[in-house]
N, C-alpha and C. Protein backbone atom coordinates (compact mmCIF):
# COMPACT_ATOMS: atom_id res chain seq x y z
N MET A 1 -128.46 119.16 98.12
CA MET A 1 -127.52 118.54 97.18
C MET A 1 -128.14 117.26 96.61
N PRO A 2 -128.18 117.13 95.31
CA PRO A 2 -128.84 115.94 94.74
C PRO A 2 -128.01 114.69 95.02
N THR A 3 -128.71 113.59 95.27
CA THR A 3 -128.00 112.34 95.50
C THR A 3 -127.82 111.61 94.18
N THR A 4 -126.65 111.03 93.99
CA THR A 4 -126.39 110.25 92.78
C THR A 4 -126.32 108.78 93.17
N ASP A 5 -126.80 107.93 92.30
CA ASP A 5 -126.75 106.50 92.61
C ASP A 5 -125.32 105.96 92.47
N ARG A 6 -125.12 104.76 92.97
CA ARG A 6 -123.78 104.17 92.98
C ARG A 6 -123.21 104.01 91.57
N ALA A 7 -124.06 103.63 90.61
CA ALA A 7 -123.58 103.43 89.24
C ALA A 7 -123.08 104.75 88.66
N GLN A 8 -123.79 105.84 88.93
CA GLN A 8 -123.37 107.15 88.44
C GLN A 8 -122.07 107.58 89.11
N GLN A 9 -121.95 107.34 90.39
CA GLN A 9 -120.71 107.67 91.10
C GLN A 9 -119.54 106.90 90.50
N ARG A 10 -119.77 105.63 90.18
CA ARG A 10 -118.71 104.80 89.59
C ARG A 10 -118.30 105.34 88.22
N ARG A 11 -119.29 105.72 87.40
CA ARG A 11 -118.98 106.28 86.07
C ARG A 11 -118.19 107.58 86.21
N ASN A 12 -118.62 108.43 87.15
CA ASN A 12 -117.90 109.69 87.37
C ASN A 12 -116.46 109.42 87.77
N PHE A 13 -116.27 108.45 88.66
CA PHE A 13 -114.92 108.13 89.11
C PHE A 13 -114.07 107.57 87.97
N GLU A 14 -114.66 106.70 87.15
CA GLU A 14 -113.91 106.11 86.03
C GLU A 14 -113.51 107.19 85.02
N GLU A 15 -114.41 108.15 84.77
CA GLU A 15 -114.06 109.25 83.86
C GLU A 15 -112.91 110.07 84.44
N PHE A 16 -112.98 110.36 85.74
CA PHE A 16 -111.91 111.11 86.39
C PHE A 16 -110.60 110.34 86.30
N GLU A 17 -110.67 109.04 86.57
CA GLU A 17 -109.47 108.20 86.56
C GLU A 17 -108.83 108.18 85.16
N ASP A 18 -109.65 108.05 84.13
CA ASP A 18 -109.14 108.03 82.75
C ASP A 18 -108.45 109.34 82.40
N SER A 19 -109.09 110.46 82.73
CA SER A 19 -108.48 111.75 82.38
C SER A 19 -107.22 111.98 83.21
N HIS A 20 -107.22 111.50 84.45
CA HIS A 20 -106.03 111.64 85.29
C HIS A 20 -104.87 110.82 84.71
N ASP A 21 -105.15 109.58 84.32
CA ASP A 21 -104.11 108.71 83.73
C ASP A 21 -103.53 109.35 82.48
N GLU A 22 -104.40 109.96 81.67
CA GLU A 22 -103.96 110.63 80.44
C GLU A 22 -102.99 111.77 80.78
N LYS A 23 -103.35 112.57 81.78
CA LYS A 23 -102.48 113.69 82.18
C LYS A 23 -101.15 113.18 82.71
N VAL A 24 -101.18 112.11 83.47
CA VAL A 24 -99.95 111.54 84.02
C VAL A 24 -99.02 111.10 82.88
N MET A 25 -99.59 110.42 81.87
CA MET A 25 -98.78 109.96 80.74
C MET A 25 -98.19 111.14 79.96
N GLU A 26 -99.00 112.20 79.76
CA GLU A 26 -98.50 113.38 79.05
C GLU A 26 -97.36 114.03 79.84
N ASN A 27 -97.54 114.15 81.14
CA ASN A 27 -96.49 114.76 81.97
C ASN A 27 -95.23 113.92 81.97
N ARG A 28 -95.39 112.59 82.01
CA ARG A 28 -94.23 111.70 81.99
C ARG A 28 -93.46 111.85 80.67
N ALA A 29 -94.19 111.95 79.56
CA ALA A 29 -93.54 112.11 78.25
C ALA A 29 -92.79 113.44 78.19
N ARG A 30 -93.41 114.50 78.72
CA ARG A 30 -92.73 115.81 78.74
C ARG A 30 -91.48 115.77 79.60
N LEU A 31 -91.57 115.11 80.73
CA LEU A 31 -90.42 115.00 81.63
C LEU A 31 -89.28 114.23 80.95
N MET A 32 -89.60 113.13 80.28
CA MET A 32 -88.57 112.35 79.60
C MET A 32 -87.91 113.17 78.49
N GLN A 33 -88.71 113.98 77.81
CA GLN A 33 -88.16 114.83 76.75
C GLN A 33 -87.19 115.85 77.35
N ARG A 34 -87.59 116.46 78.47
CA ARG A 34 -86.70 117.43 79.14
C ARG A 34 -85.42 116.76 79.61
N GLN A 35 -85.55 115.56 80.18
CA GLN A 35 -84.37 114.84 80.66
C GLN A 35 -83.41 114.53 79.50
N ALA A 36 -83.97 114.19 78.34
CA ALA A 36 -83.13 113.90 77.18
C ALA A 36 -82.39 115.15 76.73
N ILE A 37 -83.06 116.29 76.75
CA ILE A 37 -82.42 117.56 76.36
C ILE A 37 -81.31 117.91 77.35
N ILE A 38 -81.62 117.76 78.65
CA ILE A 38 -80.61 118.06 79.67
C ILE A 38 -79.42 117.11 79.53
N GLY A 39 -79.70 115.82 79.32
CA GLY A 39 -78.62 114.84 79.16
C GLY A 39 -77.73 115.15 77.97
N SER A 40 -78.33 115.52 76.85
CA SER A 40 -77.51 115.81 75.66
C SER A 40 -76.75 117.12 75.84
N THR A 41 -77.33 118.05 76.60
CA THR A 41 -76.63 119.31 76.87
C THR A 41 -75.40 119.05 77.73
N LEU A 42 -75.56 118.20 78.75
CA LEU A 42 -74.43 117.87 79.61
C LEU A 42 -73.35 117.12 78.85
N THR A 43 -73.77 116.24 77.94
CA THR A 43 -72.82 115.43 77.17
C THR A 43 -72.12 116.25 76.11
N ASN A 44 -72.89 117.04 75.38
CA ASN A 44 -72.35 117.73 74.20
C ASN A 44 -72.05 119.21 74.43
N GLY A 45 -72.52 119.75 75.55
CA GLY A 45 -72.32 121.16 75.81
C GLY A 45 -73.23 122.07 74.99
N ARG A 46 -74.22 121.47 74.34
CA ARG A 46 -75.18 122.26 73.57
C ARG A 46 -76.51 121.52 73.55
N VAL A 47 -77.54 122.22 73.16
CA VAL A 47 -78.88 121.63 73.11
C VAL A 47 -79.09 121.01 71.74
N ASP A 48 -79.39 119.72 71.72
CA ASP A 48 -79.77 119.03 70.47
C ASP A 48 -81.28 118.84 70.49
N GLU A 49 -81.96 119.51 69.60
CA GLU A 49 -83.44 119.41 69.55
C GLU A 49 -83.83 118.15 68.83
């Protein structure tokens, strides 16, 4: 297995962290959208898109 230097490991980790943060934000936005749809359905008895 090839050894990577510390700087390369750090860059790899930062790239992983950035892509992970992006996915978390996308999932949070999707969740908030679903919660808004559920909330309006409970309030109005229908789905407001």
